[in-house]
Amino acid sequence: MTTEERVNLFQKAILAIEKLEREYRSYPPFESIHNQLLFLLDQASGQAVNREGLARINLGYITMREVEPKDGAAADLLYLVSAEAKKMLSDA
């Protein structure tokens, strides 16, 4: 995946989680996902480099427990993001 494709994927995921945050106000798991997505977007954009932060990304588990039951399409998108985050870590 190119950097531009990665950035676009992360931006789409941010929009999806923002939609869920509007639906389920003040829901900590969605806030956590949102923060992780913003971090990944910074990493992909070259605005920050933090290998330790990449290693702490845990989108897959939170997505399985909290997003999938509420929005399958958003969950699918977040699973793609999770896989891409693992690739970023191995490339770092």
PDB file of N, CA and C in Angstrom:
ATOM      1  N   MET A   1       0.846  -1.169   0.000  1.00  0.00           N
ATOM      2  CA  MET A   1       0.000   0.000   0.000  1.00  0.00           C
ATOM      3  C   MET A   1       0.893   1.234   0.000  1.00  0.00           C
ATOM      4  N   THR A   2       0.579   2.181  -0.854  1.00  0.00           N
ATOM      5  CA  THR A   2       1.362   3.411  -0.901  1.00  0.00           C
ATOM      6  C   THR A   2       1.036   4.284   0.310  1.00  0.00           C
ATOM      7  N   THR A   3       1.877   5.262   0.542  1.00  0.00           N
ATOM      8  CA  THR A   3       1.634   6.188   1.647  1.00  0.00           C
ATOM      9  C   THR A   3       0.299   6.898   1.461  1.00  0.00           C
ATOM     10  N   GLU A   4       0.008   7.321   0.258  1.00  0.00           N
ATOM     11  CA  GLU A   4      -1.258   8.016  -0.021  1.00  0.00           C
ATOM     12  C   GLU A   4      -2.459   7.100   0.252  1.00  0.00           C
ATOM     13  N   GLU A   5      -2.372   5.849  -0.165  1.00  0.00           N
ATOM     14  CA  GLU A   5      -3.457   4.894   0.097  1.00  0.00           C
ATOM     15  C   GLU A   5      -3.627   4.661   1.596  1.00  0.00           C
ATOM     16  N   ARG A   6      -2.511   4.568   2.286  1.00  0.00           N
ATOM     17  CA  ARG A   6      -2.546   4.365   3.738  1.00  0.00           C
ATOM     18  C   ARG A   6      -3.206   5.552   4.437  1.00  0.00           C
ATOM     19  N   VAL A   7      -2.813   6.753   4.052  1.00  0.00           N
ATOM     20  CA  VAL A   7      -3.402   7.965   4.629  1.00  0.00           C
ATOM     21  C   VAL A   7      -4.903   7.995   4.352  1.00  0.00           C
ATOM     22  N   ASN A   8      -5.309   7.673   3.121  1.00  0.00           N
ATOM     23  CA  ASN A   8      -6.730   7.656   2.782  1.00  0.00           C
ATOM     24  C   ASN A   8      -7.493   6.631   3.611  1.00  0.00           C
ATOM     25  N   LEU A   9      -6.913   5.459   3.807  1.00  0.00           N
ATOM     26  CA  LEU A   9      -7.536   4.427   4.632  1.00  0.00           C
ATOM     27  C   LEU A   9      -7.740   4.930   6.056  1.00  0.00           C
ATOM     28  N   PHE A  10      -6.720   5.543   6.621  1.00  0.00           N
ATOM     29  CA  PHE A  10      -6.819   6.043   7.983  1.00  0.00           C
ATOM     30  C   PHE A  10      -7.848   7.168   8.086  1.00  0.00           C
ATOM     31  N   GLN A  11      -7.907   8.028   7.082  1.00  0.00           N
ATOM     32  CA  GLN A  11      -8.892   9.105   7.090  1.00  0.00           C
ATOM     33  C   GLN A  11     -10.315   8.550   7.018  1.00  0.00           C
ATOM     34  N   LYS A  12     -10.543   7.538   6.204  1.00  0.00           N
ATOM     35  CA  LYS A  12     -11.864   6.901   6.124  1.00  0.00           C
ATOM     36  C   LYS A  12     -12.235   6.275   7.463  1.00  0.00           C
ATOM     37  N   ALA A  13     -11.267   5.643   8.099  1.00  0.00           N
ATOM     38  CA  ALA A  13     -11.518   5.022   9.396  1.00  0.00           C
ATOM     39  C   ALA A  13     -11.846   6.075  10.454  1.00  0.00           C
ATOM     40  N   ILE A  14     -11.179   7.211  10.390  1.00  0.00           N
ATOM     41  CA  ILE A  14     -11.463   8.299  11.333  1.00  0.00           C
ATOM     42  C   ILE A  14     -12.899   8.781  11.144  1.00  0.00           C
ATOM     43  N   LEU A  15     -13.331   8.938   9.910  1.00  0.00           N
ATOM     44  CA  LEU A  15     -14.711   9.350   9.654  1.00  0.00           C
ATOM     45  C   LEU A  15     -15.700   8.322  10.204  1.00  0.00           C
ATOM     46  N   ALA A  16     -15.393   7.040  10.029  1.00  0.00           N
ATOM     47  CA  ALA A  16     -16.276   5.981  10.518  1.00  0.00           C
ATOM     48  C   ALA A  16     -16.377   5.989  12.038  1.00  0.00           C
ATOM     49  N   ILE A  17     -15.253   6.162  12.709  1.00  0.00           N
ATOM     50  CA  ILE A  17     -15.292   6.142  14.174  1.00  0.00           C
ATOM     51  C   ILE A  17     -15.926   7.426  14.712  1.00  0.00           C
ATOM     52  N   GLU A  18     -15.756   8.540  14.009  1.00  0.00           N
ATOM     53  CA  GLU A  18     -16.413   9.776  14.428  1.00  0.00           C
ATOM     54  C   GLU A  18     -17.933   9.629  14.346  1.00  0.00           C
ATOM     55  N   LYS A  19     -18.404   8.904  13.343  1.00  0.00           N
ATOM     56  CA  LYS A  19     -19.845   8.631  13.223  1.00  0.00           C
ATOM     57  C   LYS A  19     -20.319   7.822  14.433  1.00  0.00           C
ATOM     58  N   LEU A  20     -19.565   6.796  14.793  1.00  0.00           N
ATOM     59  CA  LEU A  20     -19.927   5.992  15.959  1.00  0.00           C
ATOM     60  C   LEU A  20     -19.852   6.804  17.253  1.00  0.00           C
ATOM     61  N   GLU A  21     -18.878   7.692  17.337  1.00  0.00           N
ATOM     62  CA  GLU A  21     -18.753   8.536  18.533  1.00  0.00           C
ATOM     63  C   GLU A  21     -19.964   9.463  18.677  1.00  0.00           C
ATOM     64  N   ARG A  22     -20.503   9.927  17.560  1.00  0.00           N
ATOM     65  CA  ARG A  22     -21.702  10.763  17.635  1.00  0.00           C
ATOM     66  C   ARG A  22     -22.906   9.943  18.104  1.00  0.00           C
ATOM     67  N   GLU A  23     -22.964   8.700  17.665  1.00  0.00           N
ATOM     68  CA  GLU A  23     -24.057   7.812  18.057  1.00  0.00           C
ATOM     69  C   GLU A  23     -23.967   7.365  19.514  1.00  0.00           C
ATOM     70  N   TYR A  24     -22.775   7.040  19.951  1.00  0.00           N
ATOM     71  CA  TYR A  24     -22.534   6.519  21.304  1.00  0.00           C
ATOM     72  C   TYR A  24     -21.629   7.497  22.047  1.00  0.00           C
ATOM     73  N   ARG A  25     -22.199   8.585  22.475  1.00  0.00           N
ATOM     74  CA  ARG A  25     -21.423   9.672  23.105  1.00  0.00           C
ATOM     75  C   ARG A  25     -20.649   9.194  24.331  1.00  0.00           C
ATOM     76  N   SER A  26     -19.454   9.741  24.444  1.00  0.00           N
ATOM     77  CA  SER A  26     -18.593   9.482  25.608  1.00  0.00           C
ATOM     78  C   SER A  26     -18.384   7.993  25.863  1.00  0.00           C
ATOM     79  N   TYR A  27     -18.155   7.250  24.798  1.00  0.00           N
ATOM     80  CA  TYR A  27     -17.911   5.811  24.925  1.00  0.00           C
ATOM     81  C   TYR A  27     -16.405   5.586  24.835  1.00  0.00           C
ATOM     82  N   PRO A  28     -15.734   5.295  25.954  1.00  0.00           N
ATOM     83  CA  PRO A  28     -14.265   5.232  25.986  1.00  0.00           C
ATOM     84  C   PRO A  28     -13.620   4.342  24.916  1.00  0.00           C
ATOM     85  N   PRO A  29     -14.158   3.171  24.576  1.00  0.00           N
ATOM     86  CA  PRO A  29     -13.493   2.388  23.537  1.00  0.00           C
ATOM     87  C   PRO A  29     -13.408   3.123  22.190  1.00  0.00           C
ATOM     88  N   PHE A  30     -14.452   3.876  21.850  1.00  0.00           N
ATOM     89  CA  PHE A  30     -14.412   4.615  20.584  1.00  0.00           C
ATOM     90  C   PHE A  30     -13.442   5.781  20.663  1.00  0.00           C
ATOM     91  N   GLU A  31     -13.349   6.395  21.832  1.00  0.00           N
ATOM     92  CA  GLU A  31     -12.368   7.465  22.018  1.00  0.00           C
ATOM     93  C   GLU A  31     -10.950   6.915  21.874  1.00  0.00           C
ATOM     94  N   SER A  32     -10.711   5.733  22.415  1.00  0.00           N
ATOM     95  CA  SER A  32      -9.403   5.087  22.291  1.00  0.00           C
ATOM     96  C   SER A  32      -9.072   4.797  20.833  1.00  0.00           C
ATOM     97  N   ILE A  33     -10.042   4.252  20.121  1.00  0.00           N
ATOM     98  CA  ILE A  33      -9.828   3.963  18.693  1.00  0.00           C
ATOM     99  C   ILE A  33      -9.525   5.246  17.944  1.00  0.00           C
ATOM    100  N   HIS A  34     -10.290   6.291  18.216  1.00  0.00           N
ATOM    101  CA  HIS A  34     -10.079   7.571  17.533  1.00  0.00           C
ATOM    102  C   HIS A  34      -8.661   8.087  17.772  1.00  0.00           C
ATOM    103  N   ASN A  35      -8.216   8.042  19.024  1.00  0.00           N
ATOM    104  CA  ASN A  35      -6.854   8.500  19.345  1.00  0.00           C
ATOM    105  C   ASN A  35      -5.805   7.661  18.625  1.00  0.00           C
ATOM    106  N   GLN A  36      -6.008   6.351  18.567  1.00  0.00           N
ATOM    107  CA  GLN A  36      -5.059   5.481  17.874  1.00  0.00           C
ATOM    108  C   GLN A  36      -5.033   5.790  16.373  1.00  0.00           C
ATOM    109  N   LEU A  37      -6.202   6.070  15.803  1.00  0.00           N
ATOM    110  CA  LEU A  37      -6.265   6.406  14.373  1.00  0.00           C
ATOM    111  C   LEU A  37      -5.555   7.719  14.085  1.00  0.00           C
ATOM    112  N   LEU A  38      -5.732   8.709  14.948  1.00  0.00           N
ATOM    113  CA  LEU A  38      -5.027   9.979  14.756  1.00  0.00           C
ATOM    114  C   LEU A  38      -3.519   9.778  14.835  1.00  0.00           C
ATOM    115  N   PHE A  39      -3.075   8.944  15.774  1.00  0.00           N
ATOM    116  CA  PHE A  39      -1.659   8.617  15.894  1.00  0.00           C
ATOM    117  C   PHE A  39      -1.156   7.952  14.604  1.00  0.00           C
ATOM    118  N   LEU A  40      -1.910   6.980  14.101  1.00  0.00           N
ATOM    119  CA  LEU A  40      -1.502   6.286  12.878  1.00  0.00           C
ATOM    120  C   LEU A  40      -1.461   7.230  11.682  1.00  0.00           C
ATOM    121  N   LEU A  41      -2.411   8.133  11.615  1.00  0.00           N
ATOM    122  CA  LEU A  41      -2.412   9.112  10.526  1.00  0.00           C
ATOM    123  C   LEU A  41      -1.152   9.969  10.591  1.00  0.00           C
ATOM    124  N   ASP A  42      -0.770  10.410  11.785  1.00  0.00           N
ATOM    125  CA  ASP A  42       0.483  11.162  11.937  1.00  0.00           C
ATOM    126  C   ASP A  42       1.678  10.332  11.485  1.00  0.00           C
ATOM    127  N   GLN A  43       1.699   9.066  11.873  1.00  0.00           N
ATOM    128  CA  GLN A  43       2.804   8.188  11.486  1.00  0.00           C
ATOM    129  C   GLN A  43       2.859   8.032   9.965  1.00  0.00           C
ATOM    130  N   ALA A  44       1.713   7.801   9.355  1.00  0.00           N
ATOM    131  CA  ALA A  44       1.665   7.574   7.909  1.00  0.00           C
ATOM    132  C   ALA A  44       1.995   8.836   7.130  1.00  0.00           C
ATOM    133  N   SER A  45       1.650   9.985   7.702  1.00  0.00           N
ATOM    134  CA  SER A  45       1.905  11.266   7.030  1.00  0.00           C
ATOM    135  C   SER A  45       3.349  11.716   7.186  1.00  0.00           C
ATOM    136  N   GLY A  46       4.107  10.987   8.001  1.00  0.00           N
ATOM    137  CA  GLY A  46       5.499  11.354   8.224  1.00  0.00           C
ATOM    138  C   GLY A  46       5.652  12.489   9.215  1.00  0.00           C
ATOM    139  N   GLN A  47       4.564  12.817   9.946  1.00  0.00           N
ATOM    140  CA  GLN A  47       4.621  13.909  10.911  1.00  0.00           C
ATOM    141  C   GLN A  47       5.252  13.465  12.217  1.00  0.00           C
ATOM    142  N   ALA A  48       5.313  12.159  12.426  1.00  0.00           N
ATOM    143  CA  ALA A  48       5.891  11.634  13.662  1.00  0.00           C
ATOM    144  C   ALA A  48       6.413  10.234  13.393  1.00  0.00           C
ATOM    145  N   VAL A  49       7.443   9.840  14.119  1.00  0.00           N
ATOM    146  CA  VAL A  49       7.959   8.485  14.021  1.00  0.00           C
ATOM    147  C   VAL A  49       8.097   7.953  15.437  1.00  0.00           C
ATOM    148  N   ASN A  50       7.312   6.939  15.740  1.00  0.00           N
ATOM    149  CA  ASN A  50       7.301   6.416  17.102  1.00  0.00           C
ATOM    150  C   ASN A  50       7.048   4.918  17.055  1.00  0.00           C
ATOM    151  N   ARG A  51       8.122   4.149  16.979  1.00  0.00           N
ATOM    152  CA  ARG A  51       8.011   2.697  16.893  1.00  0.00           C
ATOM    153  C   ARG A  51       7.323   2.102  18.123  1.00  0.00           C
ATOM    154  N   GLU A  52       7.622   2.629  19.294  1.00  0.00           N
ATOM    155  CA  GLU A  52       6.998   2.124  20.522  1.00  0.00           C
ATOM    156  C   GLU A  52       5.485   2.343  20.493  1.00  0.00           C
ATOM    157  N   GLY A  53       5.082   3.500  19.992  1.00  0.00           N
ATOM    158  CA  GLY A  53       3.653   3.785  19.866  1.00  0.00           C
ATOM    159  C   GLY A  53       2.974   2.833  18.903  1.00  0.00           C
ATOM    160  N   LEU A  54       3.639   2.522  17.807  1.00  0.00           N
ATOM    161  CA  LEU A  54       3.080   1.560  16.840  1.00  0.00           C
ATOM    162  C   LEU A  54       2.894   0.196  17.485  1.00  0.00           C
ATOM    163  N   ALA A  55       3.820  -0.177  18.333  1.00  0.00           N
ATOM    164  CA  ALA A  55       3.743  -1.486  18.984  1.00  0.00           C
ATOM    165  C   ALA A  55       2.567  -1.563  19.964  1.00  0.00           C
ATOM    166  N   ARG A  56       2.106  -0.417  20.430  1.00  0.00           N
ATOM    167  CA  ARG A  56       0.993  -0.396  21.401  1.00  0.00           C
ATOM    168  C   ARG A  56      -0.386  -0.314  20.750  1.00  0.00           C
ATOM    169  N   ILE A  57      -0.448  -0.231  19.433  1.00  0.00           N
ATOM    170  CA  ILE A  57      -1.744  -0.164  18.746  1.00  0.00           C
ATOM    171  C   ILE A  57      -2.490  -1.470  18.992  1.00  0.00           C
ATOM    172  N   ASN A  58      -3.743  -1.363  19.435  1.00  0.00           N
ATOM    173  CA  ASN A  58      -4.526  -2.564  19.724  1.00  0.00           C
ATOM    174  C   ASN A  58      -5.941  -2.460  19.142  1.00  0.00           C
ATOM    175  N   LEU A  59      -6.017  -2.066  17.906  1.00  0.00           N
ATOM    176  CA  LEU A  59      -7.310  -1.862  17.257  1.00  0.00           C
ATOM    177  C   LEU A  59      -8.093  -3.157  17.054  1.00  0.00           C
ATOM    178  N   GLY A  60      -7.418  -4.228  16.731  1.00  0.00           N
ATOM    179  CA  GLY A  60      -8.114  -5.473  16.408  1.00  0.00           C
ATOM    180  C   GLY A  60      -8.996  -5.972  17.527  1.00  0.00           C
ATOM    181  N   TYR A  61      -8.468  -6.005  18.725  1.00  0.00           N
ATOM    182  CA  TYR A  61      -9.217  -6.520  19.870  1.00  0.00           C
ATOM    183  C   TYR A  61     -10.405  -5.613  20.207  1.00  0.00           C
ATOM    184  N   ILE A  62     -10.154  -4.308  20.257  1.00  0.00           N
ATOM    185  CA  ILE A  62     -11.232  -3.370  20.578  1.00  0.00           C
ATOM    186  C   ILE A  62     -12.299  -3.419  19.486  1.00  0.00           C
ATOM    187  N   THR A  63     -11.868  -3.523  18.246  1.00  0.00           N
ATOM    188  CA  THR A  63     -12.824  -3.597  17.140  1.00  0.00           C
ATOM    189  C   THR A  63     -13.707  -4.829  17.269  1.00  0.00           C
ATOM    190  N   MET A  64     -13.104  -5.956  17.578  1.00  0.00           N
ATOM    191  CA  MET A  64     -13.864  -7.198  17.695  1.00  0.00           C
ATOM    192  C   MET A  64     -14.912  -7.074  18.803  1.00  0.00           C
ATOM    193  N   ARG A  65     -14.519  -6.549  19.931  1.00  0.00           N
ATOM    194  CA  ARG A  65     -15.426  -6.490  21.093  1.00  0.00           C
ATOM    195  C   ARG A  65     -16.442  -5.360  21.011  1.00  0.00           C
ATOM    196  N   GLU A  66     -16.020  -4.204  20.531  1.00  0.00           N
ATOM    197  CA  GLU A  66     -16.843  -3.006  20.667  1.00  0.00           C
ATOM    198  C   GLU A  66     -17.461  -2.472  19.379  1.00  0.00           C
ATOM    199  N   VAL A  67     -16.781  -2.633  18.255  1.00  0.00           N
ATOM    200  CA  VAL A  67     -17.279  -2.034  17.012  1.00  0.00           C
ATOM    201  C   VAL A  67     -18.100  -3.035  16.205  1.00  0.00           C
ATOM    202  N   GLU A  68     -17.587  -4.244  16.063  1.00  0.00           N
ATOM    203  CA  GLU A  68     -18.246  -5.227  15.200  1.00  0.00           C
ATOM    204  C   GLU A  68     -19.728  -5.427  15.533  1.00  0.00           C
ATOM    205  N   PRO A  69     -20.107  -5.526  16.815  1.00  0.00           N
ATOM    206  CA  PRO A  69     -21.533  -5.705  17.113  1.00  0.00           C
ATOM    207  C   PRO A  69     -22.399  -4.489  16.743  1.00  0.00           C
ATOM    208  N   LYS A  70     -21.781  -3.322  16.612  1.00  0.00           N
ATOM    209  CA  LYS A  70     -22.532  -2.094  16.368  1.00  0.00           C
ATOM    210  C   LYS A  70     -22.502  -1.650  14.906  1.00  0.00           C
ATOM    211  N   ASP A  71     -21.405  -1.943  14.189  1.00  0.00           N
ATOM    212  CA  ASP A  71     -21.256  -1.466  12.804  1.00  0.00           C
ATOM    213  C   ASP A  71     -20.247  -2.355  12.077  1.00  0.00           C
ATOM    214  N   GLY A  72     -20.770  -3.320  11.333  1.00  0.00           N
ATOM    215  CA  GLY A  72     -19.914  -4.277  10.637  1.00  0.00           C
ATOM    216  C   GLY A  72     -19.006  -3.636   9.598  1.00  0.00           C
ATOM    217  N   ALA A  73     -19.504  -2.637   8.877  1.00  0.00           N
ATOM    218  CA  ALA A  73     -18.687  -1.981   7.846  1.00  0.00           C
ATOM    219  C   ALA A  73     -17.521  -1.223   8.489  1.00  0.00           C
ATOM    220  N   ALA A  74     -17.793  -0.541   9.569  1.00  0.00           N
ATOM    221  CA  ALA A  74     -16.715   0.174  10.275  1.00  0.00           C
ATOM    222  C   ALA A  74     -15.704  -0.823  10.820  1.00  0.00           C
ATOM    223  N   ALA A  75     -16.186  -1.952  11.322  1.00  0.00           N
ATOM    224  CA  ALA A  75     -15.277  -2.982  11.849  1.00  0.00           C
ATOM    225  C   ALA A  75     -14.363  -3.498  10.743  1.00  0.00           C
ATOM    226  N   ASP A  76     -14.929  -3.771   9.565  1.00  0.00           N
ATOM    227  CA  ASP A  76     -14.104  -4.246   8.446  1.00  0.00           C
ATOM    228  C   ASP A  76     -13.009  -3.244   8.112  1.00  0.00           C
ATOM    229  N   LEU A  77     -13.360  -1.983   8.103  1.00  0.00           N
ATOM    230  CA  LEU A  77     -12.391  -0.925   7.821  1.00  0.00           C
ATOM    231  C   LEU A  77     -11.299  -0.890   8.888  1.00  0.00           C
ATOM    232  N   LEU A  78     -11.701  -1.027  10.142  1.00  0.00           N
ATOM    233  CA  LEU A  78     -10.728  -0.996  11.237  1.00  0.00           C
ATOM    234  C   LEU A  78      -9.826  -2.225  11.238  1.00  0.00           C
ATOM    235  N   TYR A  79     -10.322  -3.364  10.794  1.00  0.00           N
ATOM    236  CA  TYR A  79      -9.463  -4.541  10.666  1.00  0.00           C
ATOM    237  C   TYR A  79      -8.380  -4.295   9.610  1.00  0.00           C
ATOM    238  N   LEU A  80      -8.746  -3.619   8.523  1.00  0.00           N
ATOM    239  CA  LEU A  80      -7.744  -3.261   7.503  1.00  0.00           C
ATOM    240  C   LEU A  80      -6.700  -2.320   8.095  1.00  0.00           C
ATOM    241  N   VAL A  81      -7.163  -1.360   8.882  1.00  0.00           N
ATOM    242  CA  VAL A  81      -6.245  -0.415   9.532  1.00  0.00           C
ATOM    243  C   VAL A  81      -5.308  -1.159  10.480  1.00  0.00           C
ATOM    244  N   SER A  82      -5.852  -2.090  11.239  1.00  0.00           N
ATOM    245  CA  SER A  82      -5.033  -2.864  12.178  1.00  0.00           C
ATOM    246  C   SER A  82      -3.933  -3.627  11.448  1.00  0.00           C
ATOM    247  N   ALA A  83      -4.288  -4.254  10.338  1.00  0.00           N
ATOM    248  CA  ALA A  83      -3.292  -4.986   9.544  1.00  0.00           C
ATOM    249  C   ALA A  83      -2.236  -4.028   8.992  1.00  0.00           C
ATOM    250  N   GLU A  84      -2.668  -2.866   8.575  1.00  0.00           N
ATOM    251  CA  GLU A  84      -1.734  -1.883   8.026  1.00  0.00           C
ATOM    252  C   GLU A  84      -0.804  -1.357   9.115  1.00  0.00           C
ATOM    253  N   ALA A  85      -1.315  -1.195  10.324  1.00  0.00           N
ATOM    254  CA  ALA A  85      -0.478  -0.753  11.442  1.00  0.00           C
ATOM    255  C   ALA A  85       0.618  -1.774  11.727  1.00  0.00           C
ATOM    256  N   LYS A  86       0.280  -3.058  11.637  1.00  0.00           N
ATOM    257  CA  LYS A  86       1.299  -4.112  11.837  1.00  0.00           C
ATOM    258  C   LYS A  86       2.361  -4.044  10.749  1.00  0.00           C
ATOM    259  N   LYS A  87       1.961  -3.758   9.517  1.00  0.00           N
ATOM    260  CA  LYS A  87       2.943  -3.613   8.440  1.00  0.00           C
ATOM    261  C   LYS A  87       3.852  -2.414   8.701  1.00  0.00           C
ATOM    262  N   MET A  88       3.252  -1.331   9.192  1.00  0.00           N
ATOM    263  CA  MET A  88       4.057  -0.141   9.492  1.00  0.00           C
ATOM    264  C   MET A  88       5.099  -0.462  10.559  1.00  0.00           C
ATOM    265  N   LEU A  89       4.717  -1.241  11.549  1.00  0.00           N
ATOM    266  CA  LEU A  89       5.645  -1.598  12.614  1.00  0.00           C
ATOM    267  C   LEU A  89       6.788  -2.453  12.059  1.00  0.00           C
ATOM    268  N   SER A  90       6.467  -3.391  11.196  1.00  0.00           N
ATOM    269  CA  SER A  90       7.521  -4.242  10.646  1.00  0.00           C
ATOM    270  C   SER A  90       8.432  -3.475   9.689  1.00  0.00           C
ATOM    271  N   ASP A  91       7.907  -2.397   9.084  1.00  0.00           N
ATOM    272  CA  ASP A  91       8.704  -1.583   8.166  1.00  0.00           C
ATOM    273  C   ASP A  91       9.559  -0.548   8.917  1.00  0.00           C
ATOM    274  N   ALA A  92       9.194  -0.264  10.179  1.00  0.00           N
ATOM    275  CA  ALA A  92       9.885   0.802  10.933  1.00  0.00           C
ATOM    276  C   ALA A  92      11.273   0.384  11.366  1.00  0.00           C
TER     277      ALA A  92
END
